[in-house]
């Protein structure tokens, strides 16, 4: 892990710092001949929480500058597990280089002596608890649905449209929103008990930015198979996302450009969205959700995958990595 400070001069006109995982390169050496080894960003510190998030190859990182416009961010690199490996320098966008230098005495004194790790104790196997049956009432005979309203079928149908399920003004994440359009990134929002968004001070996120020559298909996974199917293989879908695609009537494959979900996690209805920006869409791989997990996608939930299709395109099946699901009964046709 490397803590990096990027100067304010490197910002874009909107005061955000932007770079892809390939634009931050760690160069090191290994072996007797000091052969050069390069590594690229594999993870970064979260913008809002004290934790790190995994990044996939080519993913864009968008972070606002601090009070002085600079950005301090922790970056994670996968490097060779060899005793003779040593980092040499960090390169940013091919025009800025920071060398790794040995710590001086002042820095060493600040860090203090290295402390050995305590030996790990073997973990005792915990007895398995019987799963708690789902609650059907609040204890007084009143159905829970009266307390937390269902999502409703309107948010479970596959459609061609650019709009989000609802306008959001209270959300977190690193999503880039310009003039109401989501251009790319992650967006996480806690919803009310009625599955509706709460008001906030962020720029309104109302619709997706879609290329003029494409139409956005929002494909509901919940509609493809029974709910239990998703909980069983959702993790597999994300891990094998290169094998998850829509096939049109001509046999052409179309990879997803994003996905979003609504589910109860941590006892709260939650909306989470990942939308690939223009520089990421050709890689065909989506990162996992940070908040919503596969186990949350049961009962009342909604999950959509997003595809860019040309006008007139007719998707006939979706390949999930394990099986093909026929879409012809949905009569989906991209508008002209």
Foldseek 3Di string as FASTA:
>chain_A
DDKDKAALVQADPVLKHKDWQVQKKWWKAFDPVRDIDIWTFQWKAFQPDGDIDGDDHGAMDIHGADPNSMDIIDTDTDDDPDPRIDIAWIGGNNPDIDGDDDDDPVVDVVVDDDDDDDDDDDDDDDDDDDDDDDDQAPVPPHGCCVVAPFPDCVQQDKDWDFWDPAKEADWDWRFDADPQETQFTKIKAFDDSPLHGDHDHHDINTGYDADPQWIKIWHWPCVQDPQVVQLVCVVVLQVVQLQKFFAWPVGDTWAFQWKKKWFQFPNTTMIMIGGGHPSPRVVRHDDDTDGDDSVRRDDRMIMTTMTIHGAQTGTQWIGRPPDITGDVVVRDGHHD
